[in-house]
Amino acid sequence: MDEKTRIELEAAAFRALVDHLRARTDVQNIDLMNLAGFCRNCLSKWYQAAAEERGIAMTAEVAKETIYGMPYAEWKARFQKEATEEQKAAYAHSHPAGH
């Protein structure tokens, strides 16, 4: 496979992941962190870092809006729920201090 095709496929997979996460507002970031070790915020940080590596200035808010499909504050107000004690305990177990 040539480099251009590989990049196009990776970009398509990334767009599909972002679309999937936008559609699954019922899945909380803490659930993603507990199961996969990353969440929407991690993805937005990676996106911002990739832009900055290429000399493109990007704020964290712009990166988050790219991933969430709306301003982060709006997404939080509409979809984020308070983490349960079970979710917090699972997070503490999967992300020990110093890890």
PDB file of N, CA and C in Angstrom:
ATOM      1  N   MET A   1       0.848  -1.164   0.000  1.00  0.00           N
ATOM      2  CA  MET A   1       0.000   0.000   0.000  1.00  0.00           C
ATOM      3  C   MET A   1       0.902   1.239   0.000  1.00  0.00           C
ATOM      4  N   ASP A   2       0.543   2.213  -0.818  1.00  0.00           N
ATOM      5  CA  ASP A   2       1.357   3.421  -0.856  1.00  0.00           C
ATOM      6  C   ASP A   2       1.001   4.336   0.318  1.00  0.00           C
ATOM      7  N   GLU A   3       1.900   5.275   0.611  1.00  0.00           N
ATOM      8  CA  GLU A   3       1.774   6.179   1.766  1.00  0.00           C
ATOM      9  C   GLU A   3       0.498   7.011   1.697  1.00  0.00           C
ATOM     10  N   LYS A   4       0.160   7.544   0.545  1.00  0.00           N
ATOM     11  CA  LYS A   4      -1.046   8.381   0.391  1.00  0.00           C
ATOM     12  C   LYS A   4      -2.300   7.580   0.730  1.00  0.00           C
ATOM     13  N   THR A   5      -2.387   6.357   0.229  1.00  0.00           N
ATOM     14  CA  THR A   5      -3.548   5.513   0.510  1.00  0.00           C
ATOM     15  C   THR A   5      -3.625   5.176   1.991  1.00  0.00           C
ATOM     16  N   ARG A   6      -2.476   4.864   2.600  1.00  0.00           N
ATOM     17  CA  ARG A   6      -2.452   4.552   4.040  1.00  0.00           C
ATOM     18  C   ARG A   6      -2.974   5.722   4.851  1.00  0.00           C
ATOM     19  N   ILE A   7      -2.516   6.925   4.517  1.00  0.00           N
ATOM     20  CA  ILE A   7      -2.961   8.120   5.236  1.00  0.00           C
ATOM     21  C   ILE A   7      -4.453   8.347   5.030  1.00  0.00           C
ATOM     22  N   GLU A   8      -4.943   8.135   3.831  1.00  0.00           N
ATOM     23  CA  GLU A   8      -6.376   8.297   3.555  1.00  0.00           C
ATOM     24  C   GLU A   8      -7.205   7.303   4.355  1.00  0.00           C
ATOM     25  N   LEU A   9      -6.740   6.066   4.446  1.00  0.00           N
ATOM     26  CA  LEU A   9      -7.450   5.051   5.231  1.00  0.00           C
ATOM     27  C   LEU A   9      -7.433   5.396   6.715  1.00  0.00           C
ATOM     28  N   GLU A  10      -6.280   5.826   7.208  1.00  0.00           N
ATOM     29  CA  GLU A  10      -6.195   6.223   8.617  1.00  0.00           C
ATOM     30  C   GLU A  10      -7.120   7.402   8.903  1.00  0.00           C
ATOM     31  N   ALA A  11      -7.164   8.361   8.002  1.00  0.00           N
ATOM     32  CA  ALA A  11      -8.047   9.519   8.183  1.00  0.00           C
ATOM     33  C   ALA A  11      -9.508   9.088   8.181  1.00  0.00           C
ATOM     34  N   ALA A  12      -9.863   8.164   7.303  1.00  0.00           N
ATOM     35  CA  ALA A  12     -11.241   7.673   7.258  1.00  0.00           C
ATOM     36  C   ALA A  12     -11.600   6.945   8.549  1.00  0.00           C
ATOM     37  N   ALA A  13     -10.672   6.144   9.061  1.00  0.00           N
ATOM     38  CA  ALA A  13     -10.915   5.439  10.321  1.00  0.00           C
ATOM     39  C   ALA A  13     -11.059   6.428  11.473  1.00  0.00           C
ATOM     40  N   PHE A  14     -10.228   7.470  11.490  1.00  0.00           N
ATOM     41  CA  PHE A  14     -10.318   8.499  12.517  1.00  0.00           C
ATOM     42  C   PHE A  14     -11.687   9.188  12.459  1.00  0.00           C
ATOM     43  N   ARG A  15     -12.127   9.561  11.252  1.00  0.00           N
ATOM     44  CA  ARG A  15     -13.440  10.215  11.120  1.00  0.00           C
ATOM     45  C   ARG A  15     -14.558   9.295  11.586  1.00  0.00           C
ATOM     46  N   ALA A  16     -14.444   8.010  11.282  1.00  0.00           N
ATOM     47  CA  ALA A  16     -15.457   7.057  11.730  1.00  0.00           C
ATOM     48  C   ALA A  16     -15.470   6.946  13.256  1.00  0.00           C
ATOM     49  N   LEU A  17     -14.301   6.934  13.879  1.00  0.00           N
ATOM     50  CA  LEU A  17     -14.219   6.896  15.342  1.00  0.00           C
ATOM     51  C   LEU A  17     -14.856   8.141  15.949  1.00  0.00           C
ATOM     52  N   VAL A  18     -14.529   9.303  15.422  1.00  0.00           N
ATOM     53  CA  VAL A  18     -15.093  10.550  15.940  1.00  0.00           C
ATOM     54  C   VAL A  18     -16.615  10.549  15.766  1.00  0.00           C
ATOM     55  N   ASP A  19     -17.099  10.144  14.603  1.00  0.00           N
ATOM     56  CA  ASP A  19     -18.548  10.080  14.376  1.00  0.00           C
ATOM     57  C   ASP A  19     -19.211   9.125  15.361  1.00  0.00           C
ATOM     58  N   HIS A  20     -18.574   7.992  15.599  1.00  0.00           N
ATOM     59  CA  HIS A  20     -19.114   7.004  16.540  1.00  0.00           C
ATOM     60  C   HIS A  20     -19.189   7.589  17.952  1.00  0.00           C
ATOM     61  N   LEU A  21     -18.127   8.247  18.388  1.00  0.00           N
ATOM     62  CA  LEU A  21     -18.124   8.838  19.731  1.00  0.00           C
ATOM     63  C   LEU A  21     -19.148   9.962  19.846  1.00  0.00           C
ATOM     64  N   ARG A  22     -19.334  10.732  18.779  1.00  0.00           N
ATOM     65  CA  ARG A  22     -20.352  11.787  18.803  1.00  0.00           C
ATOM     66  C   ARG A  22     -21.745  11.195  18.932  1.00  0.00           C
ATOM     67  N   ALA A  23     -21.983  10.069  18.284  1.00  0.00           N
ATOM     68  CA  ALA A  23     -23.300   9.432  18.331  1.00  0.00           C
ATOM     69  C   ALA A  23     -23.557   8.746  19.672  1.00  0.00           C
ATOM     70  N   ARG A  24     -22.506   8.289  20.334  1.00  0.00           N
ATOM     71  CA  ARG A  24     -22.652   7.546  21.584  1.00  0.00           C
ATOM     72  C   ARG A  24     -22.479   8.458  22.795  1.00  0.00           C
ATOM     73  N   THR A  25     -23.343   9.453  22.889  1.00  0.00           N
ATOM     74  CA  THR A  25     -23.276  10.379  24.016  1.00  0.00           C
ATOM     75  C   THR A  25     -23.618   9.695  25.338  1.00  0.00           C
ATOM     76  N   ASP A  26     -24.209   8.506  25.262  1.00  0.00           N
ATOM     77  CA  ASP A  26     -24.516   7.757  26.480  1.00  0.00           C
ATOM     78  C   ASP A  26     -23.258   7.178  27.113  1.00  0.00           C
ATOM     79  N   VAL A  27     -22.207   7.034  26.336  1.00  0.00           N
ATOM     80  CA  VAL A  27     -20.948   6.509  26.862  1.00  0.00           C
ATOM     81  C   VAL A  27     -20.155   7.672  27.445  1.00  0.00           C
ATOM     82  N   GLN A  28     -19.923   7.608  28.726  1.00  0.00           N
ATOM     83  CA  GLN A  28     -19.229   8.669  29.428  1.00  0.00           C
ATOM     84  C   GLN A  28     -17.712   8.524  29.248  1.00  0.00           C
ATOM     85  N   ASN A  29     -17.006   9.641  29.352  1.00  0.00           N
ATOM     86  CA  ASN A  29     -15.554   9.605  29.215  1.00  0.00           C
ATOM     87  C   ASN A  29     -14.915   8.696  30.256  1.00  0.00           C
ATOM     88  N   ILE A  30     -15.447   8.693  31.464  1.00  0.00           N
ATOM     89  CA  ILE A  30     -14.851   7.838  32.503  1.00  0.00           C
ATOM     90  C   ILE A  30     -14.996   6.368  32.133  1.00  0.00           C
ATOM     91  N   ASP A  31     -16.097   6.011  31.454  1.00  0.00           N
ATOM     92  CA  ASP A  31     -16.262   4.635  30.995  1.00  0.00           C
ATOM     93  C   ASP A  31     -15.192   4.292  29.956  1.00  0.00           C
ATOM     94  N   LEU A  32     -14.956   5.225  29.035  1.00  0.00           N
ATOM     95  CA  LEU A  32     -13.913   5.008  28.028  1.00  0.00           C
ATOM     96  C   LEU A  32     -12.548   4.860  28.694  1.00  0.00           C
ATOM     97  N   MET A  33     -12.261   5.730  29.654  1.00  0.00           N
ATOM     98  CA  MET A  33     -10.978   5.658  30.363  1.00  0.00           C
ATOM     99  C   MET A  33     -10.826   4.327  31.088  1.00  0.00           C
ATOM    100  N   ASN A  34     -11.897   3.886  31.734  1.00  0.00           N
ATOM    101  CA  ASN A  34     -11.831   2.643  32.497  1.00  0.00           C
ATOM    102  C   ASN A  34     -11.647   1.426  31.599  1.00  0.00           C
ATOM    103  N   LEU A  35     -12.248   1.446  30.427  1.00  0.00           N
ATOM    104  CA  LEU A  35     -12.188   0.283  29.547  1.00  0.00           C
ATOM    105  C   LEU A  35     -11.038   0.331  28.543  1.00  0.00           C
ATOM    106  N   ALA A  36     -10.769   1.523  28.020  1.00  0.00           N
ATOM    107  CA  ALA A  36      -9.804   1.620  26.919  1.00  0.00           C
ATOM    108  C   ALA A  36      -8.555   2.420  27.261  1.00  0.00           C
ATOM    109  N   GLY A  37      -8.593   3.147  28.364  1.00  0.00           N
ATOM    110  CA  GLY A  37      -7.429   3.934  28.750  1.00  0.00           C
ATOM    111  C   GLY A  37      -7.312   5.265  28.034  1.00  0.00           C
ATOM    112  N   PHE A  38      -8.341   5.659  27.277  1.00  0.00           N
ATOM    113  CA  PHE A  38      -8.375   6.977  26.649  1.00  0.00           C
ATOM    114  C   PHE A  38      -9.830   7.401  26.516  1.00  0.00           C
ATOM    115  N   CYS A  39     -10.037   8.696  26.307  1.00  0.00           N
ATOM    116  CA  CYS A  39     -11.392   9.214  26.161  1.00  0.00           C
ATOM    117  C   CYS A  39     -11.409  10.306  25.101  1.00  0.00           C
ATOM    118  N   ARG A  40     -12.534  10.961  24.955  1.00  0.00           N
ATOM    119  CA  ARG A  40     -12.676  12.038  23.977  1.00  0.00           C
ATOM    120  C   ARG A  40     -11.660  13.155  24.235  1.00  0.00           C
ATOM    121  N   ASN A  41     -11.430  13.461  25.508  1.00  0.00           N
ATOM    122  CA  ASN A  41     -10.465  14.516  25.833  1.00  0.00           C
ATOM    123  C   ASN A  41      -9.055  14.120  25.410  1.00  0.00           C
ATOM    124  N   CYS A  42      -8.694  12.861  25.603  1.00  0.00           N
ATOM    125  CA  CYS A  42      -7.382  12.380  25.151  1.00  0.00           C
ATOM    126  C   CYS A  42      -7.279  12.545  23.638  1.00  0.00           C
ATOM    127  N   LEU A  43      -8.323  12.143  22.931  1.00  0.00           N
ATOM    128  CA  LEU A  43      -8.317  12.247  21.475  1.00  0.00           C
ATOM    129  C   LEU A  43      -8.161  13.700  21.036  1.00  0.00           C
ATOM    130  N   SER A  44      -8.820  14.612  21.739  1.00  0.00           N
ATOM    131  CA  SER A  44      -8.694  16.030  21.377  1.00  0.00           C
ATOM    132  C   SER A  44      -7.274  16.538  21.655  1.00  0.00           C
ATOM    133  N   LYS A  45      -6.647  16.050  22.717  1.00  0.00           N
ATOM    134  CA  LYS A  45      -5.257  16.442  23.005  1.00  0.00           C
ATOM    135  C   LYS A  45      -4.309  15.908  21.938  1.00  0.00           C
ATOM    136  N   TRP A  46      -4.540  14.684  21.473  1.00  0.00           N
ATOM    137  CA  TRP A  46      -3.705  14.126  20.411  1.00  0.00           C
ATOM    138  C   TRP A  46      -3.896  14.906  19.118  1.00  0.00           C
ATOM    139  N   TYR A  47      -5.129  15.305  18.846  1.00  0.00           N
ATOM    140  CA  TYR A  47      -5.438  16.090  17.647  1.00  0.00           C
ATOM    141  C   TYR A  47      -4.720  17.442  17.708  1.00  0.00           C
ATOM    142  N   GLN A  48      -4.817  18.101  18.851  1.00  0.00           N
ATOM    143  CA  GLN A  48      -4.150  19.392  19.039  1.00  0.00           C
ATOM    144  C   GLN A  48      -2.636  19.242  18.901  1.00  0.00           C
ATOM    145  N   ALA A  49      -2.067  18.213  19.493  1.00  0.00           N
ATOM    146  CA  ALA A  49      -0.623  17.987  19.401  1.00  0.00           C
ATOM    147  C   ALA A  49      -0.201  17.744  17.952  1.00  0.00           C
ATOM    148  N   ALA A  50      -0.993  16.994  17.202  1.00  0.00           N
ATOM    149  CA  ALA A  50      -0.679  16.740  15.792  1.00  0.00           C
ATOM    150  C   ALA A  50      -0.700  18.037  14.997  1.00  0.00           C
ATOM    151  N   ALA A  51      -1.661  18.910  15.293  1.00  0.00           N
ATOM    152  CA  ALA A  51      -1.722  20.207  14.611  1.00  0.00           C
ATOM    153  C   ALA A  51      -0.480  21.028  14.943  1.00  0.00           C
ATOM    154  N   GLU A  52      -0.151  21.096  16.216  1.00  0.00           N
ATOM    155  CA  GLU A  52       0.990  21.909  16.642  1.00  0.00           C
ATOM    156  C   GLU A  52       2.309  21.370  16.092  1.00  0.00           C
ATOM    157  N   GLU A  53       2.428  20.042  15.949  1.00  0.00           N
ATOM    158  CA  GLU A  53       3.630  19.449  15.354  1.00  0.00           C
ATOM    159  C   GLU A  53       3.814  19.909  13.907  1.00  0.00           C
ATOM    160  N   ARG A  54       2.709  20.291  13.288  1.00  0.00           N
ATOM    161  CA  ARG A  54       2.761  20.752  11.899  1.00  0.00           C
ATOM    162  C   ARG A  54       2.722  22.266  11.790  1.00  0.00           C
ATOM    163  N   GLY A  55       2.927  22.946  12.929  1.00  0.00           N
ATOM    164  CA  GLY A  55       2.973  24.404  12.931  1.00  0.00           C
ATOM    165  C   GLY A  55       1.619  25.074  12.867  1.00  0.00           C
ATOM    166  N   ILE A  56       0.559  24.333  13.173  1.00  0.00           N
ATOM    167  CA  ILE A  56      -0.801  24.882  13.157  1.00  0.00           C
ATOM    168  C   ILE A  56      -1.197  25.201  14.590  1.00  0.00           C
ATOM    169  N   ALA A  57      -1.414  26.478  14.866  1.00  0.00           N
ATOM    170  CA  ALA A  57      -1.835  26.882  16.215  1.00  0.00           C
ATOM    171  C   ALA A  57      -3.279  26.421  16.434  1.00  0.00           C
ATOM    172  N   MET A  58      -3.516  25.790  17.574  1.00  0.00           N
ATOM    173  CA  MET A  58      -4.860  25.308  17.881  1.00  0.00           C
ATOM    174  C   MET A  58      -5.040  25.327  19.393  1.00  0.00           C
ATOM    175  N   THR A  59      -6.138  25.903  19.840  1.00  0.00           N
ATOM    176  CA  THR A  59      -6.434  25.899  21.267  1.00  0.00           C
ATOM    177  C   THR A  59      -7.052  24.563  21.659  1.00  0.00           C
ATOM    178  N   ALA A  60      -7.026  24.283  22.942  1.00  0.00           N
ATOM    179  CA  ALA A  60      -7.651  23.069  23.455  1.00  0.00           C
ATOM    180  C   ALA A  60      -9.149  23.081  23.164  1.00  0.00           C
ATOM    181  N   GLU A  61      -9.768  24.250  23.269  1.00  0.00           N
ATOM    182  CA  GLU A  61     -11.207  24.337  23.020  1.00  0.00           C
ATOM    183  C   GLU A  61     -11.550  24.021  21.566  1.00  0.00           C
ATOM    184  N   VAL A  62     -10.748  24.495  20.629  1.00  0.00           N
ATOM    185  CA  VAL A  62     -10.985  24.195  19.211  1.00  0.00           C
ATOM    186  C   VAL A  62     -10.809  22.690  18.974  1.00  0.00           C
ATOM    187  N   ALA A  63      -9.788  22.107  19.554  1.00  0.00           N
ATOM    188  CA  ALA A  63      -9.562  20.669  19.403  1.00  0.00           C
ATOM    189  C   ALA A  63     -10.730  19.880  19.984  1.00  0.00           C
ATOM    190  N   LYS A  64     -11.199  20.263  21.165  1.00  0.00           N
ATOM    191  CA  LYS A  64     -12.336  19.569  21.771  1.00  0.00           C
ATOM    192  C   LYS A  64     -13.587  19.701  20.919  1.00  0.00           C
ATOM    193  N   GLU A  65     -13.827  20.894  20.378  1.00  0.00           N
ATOM    194  CA  GLU A  65     -15.009  21.080  19.541  1.00  0.00           C
ATOM    195  C   GLU A  65     -14.924  20.205  18.288  1.00  0.00           C
ATOM    196  N   THR A  66     -13.730  20.012  17.773  1.00  0.00           N
ATOM    197  CA  THR A  66     -13.540  19.138  16.615  1.00  0.00           C
ATOM    198  C   THR A  66     -13.952  17.710  16.952  1.00  0.00           C
ATOM    199  N   ILE A  67     -13.596  17.248  18.132  1.00  0.00           N
ATOM    200  CA  ILE A  67     -13.905  15.874  18.536  1.00  0.00           C
ATOM    201  C   ILE A  67     -15.353  15.741  19.006  1.00  0.00           C
ATOM    202  N   TYR A  68     -15.808  16.668  19.820  1.00  0.00           N
ATOM    203  CA  TYR A  68     -17.157  16.572  20.386  1.00  0.00           C
ATOM    204  C   TYR A  68     -18.251  16.994  19.409  1.00  0.00           C
ATOM    205  N   GLY A  69     -17.901  17.783  18.396  1.00  0.00           N
ATOM    206  CA  GLY A  69     -18.901  18.251  17.441  1.00  0.00           C
ATOM    207  C   GLY A  69     -19.705  19.431  17.933  1.00  0.00           C
ATOM    208  N   MET A  70     -19.281  20.000  19.030  1.00  0.00           N
ATOM    209  CA  MET A  70     -19.935  21.170  19.635  1.00  0.00           C
ATOM    210  C   MET A  70     -18.988  21.692  20.703  1.00  0.00           C
ATOM    211  N   PRO A  71     -19.225  22.896  21.191  1.00  0.00           N
ATOM    212  CA  PRO A  71     -18.371  23.376  22.284  1.00  0.00           C
ATOM    213  C   PRO A  71     -18.408  22.393  23.464  1.00  0.00           C
ATOM    214  N   TYR A  72     -17.248  22.192  24.061  1.00  0.00           N
ATOM    215  CA  TYR A  72     -17.120  21.231  25.157  1.00  0.00           C
ATOM    216  C   TYR A  72     -18.090  21.541  26.296  1.00  0.00           C
ATOM    217  N   ALA A  73     -18.231  22.812  26.649  1.00  0.00           N
ATOM    218  CA  ALA A  73     -19.142  23.187  27.745  1.00  0.00           C
ATOM    219  C   ALA A  73     -20.576  22.772  27.420  1.00  0.00           C
ATOM    220  N   GLU A  74     -20.969  22.904  26.161  1.00  0.00           N
ATOM    221  CA  GLU A  74     -22.313  22.488  25.759  1.00  0.00           C
ATOM    222  C   GLU A  74     -22.467  20.977  25.872  1.00  0.00           C
ATOM    223  N   TRP A  75     -21.461  20.225  25.410  1.00  0.00           N
ATOM    224  CA  TRP A  75     -21.528  18.767  25.500  1.00  0.00           C
ATOM    225  C   TRP A  75     -21.651  18.336  26.950  1.00  0.00           C
ATOM    226  N   LYS A  76     -20.818  18.929  27.810  1.00  0.00           N
ATOM    227  CA  LYS A  76     -20.863  18.582  29.235  1.00  0.00           C
ATOM    228  C   LYS A  76     -22.247  18.856  29.817  1.00  0.00           C
ATOM    229  N   ALA A  77     -22.813  20.012  29.501  1.00  0.00           N
ATOM    230  CA  ALA A  77     -24.121  20.377  30.045  1.00  0.00           C
ATOM    231  C   ALA A  77     -25.222  19.439  29.542  1.00  0.00           C
ATOM    232  N   ARG A  78     -25.116  19.009  28.310  1.00  0.00           N
ATOM    233  CA  ARG A  78     -26.155  18.171  27.716  1.00  0.00           C
ATOM    234  C   ARG A  78     -26.012  16.690  28.045  1.00  0.00           C
ATOM    235  N   PHE A  79     -24.764  16.199  28.131  1.00  0.00           N
ATOM    236  CA  PHE A  79     -24.581  14.752  28.168  1.00  0.00           C
ATOM    237  C   PHE A  79     -23.778  14.194  29.341  1.00  0.00           C
ATOM    238  N   GLN A  80     -22.918  14.991  29.959  1.00  0.00           N
ATOM    239  CA  GLN A  80     -22.067  14.438  31.012  1.00  0.00           C
ATOM    240  C   GLN A  80     -22.862  14.240  32.290  1.00  0.00           C
ATOM    241  N   LYS A  81     -22.669  13.068  32.867  1.00  0.00           N
ATOM    242  CA  LYS A  81     -23.320  12.728  34.138  1.00  0.00           C
ATOM    243  C   LYS A  81     -22.256  12.671  35.222  1.00  0.00           C
ATOM    244  N   GLU A  82     -22.678  12.830  36.439  1.00  0.00           N
ATOM    245  CA  GLU A  82     -21.766  12.689  37.573  1.00  0.00           C
ATOM    246  C   GLU A  82     -21.289  11.242  37.629  1.00  0.00           C
ATOM    247  N   ALA A  83     -20.002  11.047  37.803  1.00  0.00           N
ATOM    248  CA  ALA A  83     -19.449   9.694  37.877  1.00  0.00           C
ATOM    249  C   ALA A  83     -19.959   9.001  39.134  1.00  0.00           C
ATOM    250  N   THR A  84     -20.299   7.733  38.976  1.00  0.00           N
ATOM    251  CA  THR A  84     -20.748   6.943  40.120  1.00  0.00           C
ATOM    252  C   THR A  84     -19.543   6.532  40.955  1.00  0.00           C
ATOM    253  N   GLU A  85     -19.820   6.086  42.163  1.00  0.00           N
ATOM    254  CA  GLU A  85     -18.740   5.592  43.025  1.00  0.00           C
ATOM    255  C   GLU A  85     -18.049   4.392  42.374  1.00  0.00           C
ATOM    256  N   GLU A  86     -18.823   3.538  41.685  1.00  0.00           N
ATOM    257  CA  GLU A  86     -18.249   2.383  41.010  1.00  0.00           C
ATOM    258  C   GLU A  86     -17.309   2.820  39.884  1.00  0.00           C
ATOM    259  N   GLN A  87     -17.722   3.835  39.108  1.00  0.00           N
ATOM    260  CA  GLN A  87     -16.872   4.341  38.027  1.00  0.00           C
ATOM    261  C   GLN A  87     -15.592   4.947  38.589  1.00  0.00           C
ATOM    262  N   LYS A  88     -15.727   5.704  39.678  1.00  0.00           N
ATOM    263  CA  LYS A  88     -14.554   6.315  40.294  1.00  0.00           C
ATOM    264  C   LYS A  88     -13.598   5.255  40.827  1.00  0.00           C
ATOM    265  N   ALA A  89     -14.149   4.205  41.439  1.00  0.00           N
ATOM    266  CA  ALA A  89     -13.315   3.134  41.971  1.00  0.00           C
ATOM    267  C   ALA A  89     -12.605   2.392  40.833  1.00  0.00           C
ATOM    268  N   ALA A  90     -13.309   2.142  39.732  1.00  0.00           N
ATOM    269  CA  ALA A  90     -12.696   1.468  38.579  1.00  0.00           C
ATOM    270  C   ALA A  90     -11.588   2.339  37.996  1.00  0.00           C
ATOM    271  N   TYR A  91     -11.804   3.641  37.955  1.00  0.00           N
ATOM    272  CA  TYR A  91     -10.781   4.556  37.444  1.00  0.00           C
ATOM    273  C   TYR A  91      -9.548   4.523  38.350  1.00  0.00           C
ATOM    274  N   ALA A  92      -9.769   4.583  39.652  1.00  0.00           N
ATOM    275  CA  ALA A  92      -8.650   4.555  40.601  1.00  0.00           C
ATOM    276  C   ALA A  92      -7.863   3.247  40.463  1.00  0.00           C
ATOM    277  N   HIS A  93      -8.571   2.152  40.215  1.00  0.00           N
ATOM    278  CA  HIS A  93      -7.913   0.849  40.063  1.00  0.00           C
ATOM    279  C   HIS A  93      -7.127   0.773  38.742  1.00  0.00           C
ATOM    280  N   SER A  94      -7.691   1.320  37.679  1.00  0.00           N
ATOM    281  CA  SER A  94      -7.031   1.220  36.369  1.00  0.00           C
ATOM    282  C   SER A  94      -5.989   2.301  36.140  1.00  0.00           C
ATOM    283  N   HIS A  95      -5.983   3.317  36.984  1.00  0.00           N
ATOM    284  CA  HIS A  95      -5.017   4.415  36.864  1.00  0.00           C
ATOM    285  C   HIS A  95      -4.382   4.703  38.226  1.00  0.00           C
ATOM    286  N   PRO A  96      -3.586   3.756  38.734  1.00  0.00           N
ATOM    287  CA  PRO A  96      -2.980   3.949  40.055  1.00  0.00           C
ATOM    288  C   PRO A  96      -2.066   5.172  40.072  1.00  0.00           C
ATOM    289  N   ALA A  97      -1.923   5.753  41.228  1.00  0.00           N
ATOM    290  CA  ALA A  97      -1.057   6.932  41.382  1.00  0.00           C
ATOM    291  C   ALA A  97       0.334   6.614  40.864  1.00  0.00           C
ATOM    292  N   GLY A  98       0.881   7.563  40.140  1.00  0.00           N
ATOM    293  CA  GLY A  98       2.200   7.385  39.592  1.00  0.00           C
ATOM    294  C   GLY A  98       2.242   6.574  38.312  1.00  0.00           C
ATOM    295  N   HIS A  99       1.097   6.127  37.860  1.00  0.00           N
ATOM    296  CA  HIS A  99       1.021   5.310  36.633  1.00  0.00           C
ATOM    297  C   HIS A  99       0.981   6.212  35.419  1.00  0.00           C
TER     298      HIS A  99
END
